[in-house]
Amino acid sequence: MESQKIFAESSNPMLQPRIEKVVVNISVGASGEPLERAKAILNQLT
């Protein structure tokens, strides 16, 4: 009985997390140095 439960859980693809897209909102509110720092951080992340 326990082996059937494990098989049922492993055969369900919806139980495996999947990330397709990440959205990063950077609202610096000004140009200049804050924008450049945000751009540098974004480059480090990607």
PDB file of N, CA and C in Angstrom:
ATOM      1  N   MET A   1       0.830  -1.198   0.000  1.00  0.00           N
ATOM      2  CA  MET A   1       0.000   0.000   0.000  1.00  0.00           C
ATOM      3  C   MET A   1       0.871   1.258   0.000  1.00  0.00           C
ATOM      4  N   GLU A   2       1.918   1.259   0.829  1.00  0.00           N
ATOM      5  CA  GLU A   2       2.805   2.425   0.919  1.00  0.00           C
ATOM      6  C   GLU A   2       3.549   2.651  -0.400  1.00  0.00           C
ATOM      7  N   SER A   3       3.970   1.562  -1.058  1.00  0.00           N
ATOM      8  CA  SER A   3       4.684   1.712  -2.326  1.00  0.00           C
ATOM      9  C   SER A   3       3.776   2.284  -3.411  1.00  0.00           C
ATOM     10  N   GLN A   4       2.484   1.966  -3.379  1.00  0.00           N
ATOM     11  CA  GLN A   4       1.549   2.526  -4.349  1.00  0.00           C
ATOM     12  C   GLN A   4       1.386   4.025  -4.133  1.00  0.00           C
ATOM     13  N   LYS A   5       1.391   4.454  -2.879  1.00  0.00           N
ATOM     14  CA  LYS A   5       1.262   5.879  -2.572  1.00  0.00           C
ATOM     15  C   LYS A   5       2.486   6.644  -3.063  1.00  0.00           C
ATOM     16  N   ILE A   6       3.668   6.088  -2.831  1.00  0.00           N
ATOM     17  CA  ILE A   6       4.901   6.741  -3.287  1.00  0.00           C
ATOM     18  C   ILE A   6       4.906   6.831  -4.810  1.00  0.00           C
ATOM     19  N   PHE A   7       4.500   5.766  -5.495  1.00  0.00           N
ATOM     20  CA  PHE A   7       4.461   5.781  -6.954  1.00  0.00           C
ATOM     21  C   PHE A   7       3.473   6.820  -7.457  1.00  0.00           C
ATOM     22  N   ALA A   8       2.312   6.902  -6.825  1.00  0.00           N
ATOM     23  CA  ALA A   8       1.297   7.871  -7.248  1.00  0.00           C
ATOM     24  C   ALA A   8       1.808   9.291  -7.075  1.00  0.00           C
ATOM     25  N   GLU A   9       2.536   9.562  -5.989  1.00  0.00           N
ATOM     26  CA  GLU A   9       3.070  10.909  -5.772  1.00  0.00           C
ATOM     27  C   GLU A   9       4.174  11.232  -6.770  1.00  0.00           C
ATOM     28  N   SER A  10       5.023  10.252  -7.096  1.00  0.00           N
ATOM     29  CA  SER A  10       6.130  10.527  -8.004  1.00  0.00           C
ATOM     30  C   SER A  10       5.679  10.610  -9.457  1.00  0.00           C
ATOM     31  N   SER A  11       4.533  10.024  -9.793  1.00  0.00           N
ATOM     32  CA  SER A  11       4.083  10.064 -11.178  1.00  0.00           C
ATOM     33  C   SER A  11       3.239  11.300 -11.483  1.00  0.00           C
ATOM     34  N   ASN A  12       2.935  12.109 -10.486  1.00  0.00           N
ATOM     35  CA  ASN A  12       2.135  13.312 -10.699  1.00  0.00           C
ATOM     36  C   ASN A  12       3.074  14.483 -11.008  1.00  0.00           C
ATOM     37  N   PRO A  13       3.126  14.965 -12.244  1.00  0.00           N
ATOM     38  CA  PRO A  13       4.066  16.041 -12.589  1.00  0.00           C
ATOM     39  C   PRO A  13       3.738  17.376 -11.930  1.00  0.00           C
ATOM     40  N   MET A  14       2.509  17.550 -11.461  1.00  0.00           N
ATOM     41  CA  MET A  14       2.136  18.814 -10.823  1.00  0.00           C
ATOM     42  C   MET A  14       2.753  18.966  -9.439  1.00  0.00           C
ATOM     43  N   LEU A  15       3.312  17.893  -8.891  1.00  0.00           N
ATOM     44  CA  LEU A  15       3.942  17.971  -7.574  1.00  0.00           C
ATOM     45  C   LEU A  15       5.363  18.519  -7.652  1.00  0.00           C
ATOM     46  N   GLN A  16       5.936  18.601  -8.842  1.00  0.00           N
ATOM     47  CA  GLN A  16       7.285  19.119  -9.017  1.00  0.00           C
ATOM     48  C   GLN A  16       7.220  20.603  -9.340  1.00  0.00           C
ATOM     49  N   PRO A  17       7.826  21.458  -8.503  1.00  0.00           N
ATOM     50  CA  PRO A  17       7.799  22.895  -8.800  1.00  0.00           C
ATOM     51  C   PRO A  17       8.577  23.209 -10.076  1.00  0.00           C
ATOM     52  N   ARG A  18       8.076  24.174 -10.830  1.00  0.00           N
ATOM     53  CA  ARG A  18       8.718  24.565 -12.082  1.00  0.00           C
ATOM     54  C   ARG A  18       8.632  26.082 -12.199  1.00  0.00           C
ATOM     55  N   ILE A  19       9.758  26.709 -12.467  1.00  0.00           N
ATOM     56  CA  ILE A  19       9.799  28.162 -12.627  1.00  0.00           C
ATOM     57  C   ILE A  19      10.124  28.450 -14.083  1.00  0.00           C
ATOM     58  N   GLU A  20       9.259  29.189 -14.740  1.00  0.00           N
ATOM     59  CA  GLU A  20       9.488  29.554 -16.131  1.00  0.00           C
ATOM     60  C   GLU A  20       9.915  31.003 -16.283  1.00  0.00           C
ATOM     61  N   LYS A  21       9.479  31.862 -15.380  1.00  0.00           N
ATOM     62  CA  LYS A  21       9.736  33.282 -15.550  1.00  0.00           C
ATOM     63  C   LYS A  21       9.863  33.935 -14.182  1.00  0.00           C
ATOM     64  N   VAL A  22      10.758  34.892 -14.085  1.00  0.00           N
ATOM     65  CA  VAL A  22      10.902  35.699 -12.876  1.00  0.00           C
ATOM     66  C   VAL A  22      10.751  37.155 -13.288  1.00  0.00           C
ATOM     67  N   VAL A  23       9.904  37.878 -12.605  1.00  0.00           N
ATOM     68  CA  VAL A  23       9.679  39.292 -12.896  1.00  0.00           C
ATOM     69  C   VAL A  23      10.341  40.110 -11.797  1.00  0.00           C
ATOM     70  N   VAL A  24      11.216  41.039 -12.199  1.00  0.00           N
ATOM     71  CA  VAL A  24      11.908  41.905 -11.249  1.00  0.00           C
ATOM     72  C   VAL A  24      11.463  43.333 -11.530  1.00  0.00           C
ATOM     73  N   ASN A  25      10.800  43.944 -10.563  1.00  0.00           N
ATOM     74  CA  ASN A  25      10.368  45.331 -10.698  1.00  0.00           C
ATOM     75  C   ASN A  25      11.375  46.224  -9.985  1.00  0.00           C
ATOM     76  N   ILE A  26      12.043  47.079 -10.740  1.00  0.00           N
ATOM     77  CA  ILE A  26      13.007  48.015 -10.170  1.00  0.00           C
ATOM     78  C   ILE A  26      12.466  49.412 -10.406  1.00  0.00           C
ATOM     79  N   SER A  27      12.033  50.036  -9.357  1.00  0.00           N
ATOM     80  CA  SER A  27      11.489  51.384  -9.434  1.00  0.00           C
ATOM     81  C   SER A  27      12.435  52.312  -8.681  1.00  0.00           C
ATOM     82  N   VAL A  28      13.395  52.888  -9.405  1.00  0.00           N
ATOM     83  CA  VAL A  28      14.395  53.734  -8.752  1.00  0.00           C
ATOM     84  C   VAL A  28      13.889  55.152  -8.557  1.00  0.00           C
ATOM     85  N   GLY A  29      12.960  55.600  -9.367  1.00  0.00           N
ATOM     86  CA  GLY A  29      12.363  56.919  -9.183  1.00  0.00           C
ATOM     87  C   GLY A  29      13.199  58.080  -9.688  1.00  0.00           C
ATOM     88  N   ALA A  30      14.397  57.830 -10.143  1.00  0.00           N
ATOM     89  CA  ALA A  30      15.248  58.918 -10.636  1.00  0.00           C
ATOM     90  C   ALA A  30      16.298  58.336 -11.575  1.00  0.00           C
ATOM     91  N   SER A  31      16.850  59.189 -12.411  1.00  0.00           N
ATOM     92  CA  SER A  31      17.934  58.754 -13.277  1.00  0.00           C
ATOM     93  C   SER A  31      19.255  59.034 -12.573  1.00  0.00           C
ATOM     94  N   GLY A  32      20.313  58.677 -13.225  1.00  0.00           N
ATOM     95  CA  GLY A  32      21.623  58.934 -12.644  1.00  0.00           C
ATOM     96  C   GLY A  32      22.137  57.725 -11.887  1.00  0.00           C
ATOM     97  N   GLU A  33      22.767  57.984 -10.737  1.00  0.00           N
ATOM     98  CA  GLU A  33      23.412  56.918  -9.969  1.00  0.00           C
ATOM     99  C   GLU A  33      22.447  55.823  -9.506  1.00  0.00           C
ATOM    100  N   PRO A  34      21.249  56.147  -8.986  1.00  0.00           N
ATOM    101  CA  PRO A  34      20.346  55.051  -8.586  1.00  0.00           C
ATOM    102  C   PRO A  34      19.988  54.123  -9.749  1.00  0.00           C
ATOM    103  N   LEU A  35      19.798  54.688 -10.920  1.00  0.00           N
ATOM    104  CA  LEU A  35      19.477  53.875 -12.087  1.00  0.00           C
ATOM    105  C   LEU A  35      20.665  53.007 -12.486  1.00  0.00           C
ATOM    106  N   GLU A  36      21.851  53.556 -12.424  1.00  0.00           N
ATOM    107  CA  GLU A  36      23.053  52.788 -12.771  1.00  0.00           C
ATOM    108  C   GLU A  36      23.281  51.649 -11.781  1.00  0.00           C
ATOM    109  N   ARG A  37      23.034  51.899 -10.491  1.00  0.00           N
ATOM    110  CA  ARG A  37      23.178  50.831  -9.493  1.00  0.00           C
ATOM    111  C   ARG A  37      22.150  49.730  -9.734  1.00  0.00           C
ATOM    112  N   ALA A  38      20.924  50.113 -10.058  1.00  0.00           N
ATOM    113  CA  ALA A  38      19.883  49.123 -10.342  1.00  0.00           C
ATOM    114  C   ALA A  38      20.247  48.306 -11.578  1.00  0.00           C
ATOM    115  N   LYS A  39      20.809  48.963 -12.583  1.00  0.00           N
ATOM    116  CA  LYS A  39      21.228  48.257 -13.795  1.00  0.00           C
ATOM    117  C   LYS A  39      22.352  47.270 -13.495  1.00  0.00           C
ATOM    118  N   ALA A  40      23.291  47.664 -12.636  1.00  0.00           N
ATOM    119  CA  ALA A  40      24.395  46.779 -12.267  1.00  0.00           C
ATOM    120  C   ALA A  40      23.890  45.557 -11.496  1.00  0.00           C
ATOM    121  N   ILE A  41      22.944  45.775 -10.599  1.00  0.00           N
ATOM    122  CA  ILE A  41      22.381  44.657  -9.838  1.00  0.00           C
ATOM    123  C   ILE A  41      21.635  43.705 -10.763  1.00  0.00           C
ATOM    124  N   LEU A  42      20.879  44.253 -11.697  1.00  0.00           N
ATOM    125  CA  LEU A  42      20.147  43.420 -12.647  1.00  0.00           C
ATOM    126  C   LEU A  42      21.101  42.601 -13.507  1.00  0.00           C
ATOM    127  N   ASN A  43      22.217  43.190 -13.905  1.00  0.00           N
ATOM    128  CA  ASN A  43      23.215  42.448 -14.679  1.00  0.00           C
ATOM    129  C   ASN A  43      23.820  41.316 -13.863  1.00  0.00           C
ATOM    130  N   GLN A  44      23.996  41.512 -12.554  1.00  0.00           N
ATOM    131  CA  GLN A  44      24.533  40.452 -11.705  1.00  0.00           C
ATOM    132  C   GLN A  44      23.545  39.298 -11.580  1.00  0.00           C
ATOM    133  N   LEU A  45      22.252  39.615 -11.575  1.00  0.00           N
ATOM    134  CA  LEU A  45      21.240  38.579 -11.421  1.00  0.00           C
ATOM    135  C   LEU A  45      21.055  37.742 -12.679  1.00  0.00           C
ATOM    136  N   THR A  46      21.306  38.324 -13.842  1.00  0.00           N
ATOM    137  CA  THR A  46      21.051  37.596 -15.089  1.00  0.00           C
ATOM    138  C   THR A  46      22.314  37.066 -15.703  1.00  0.00           C
TER     139      THR A  46
END
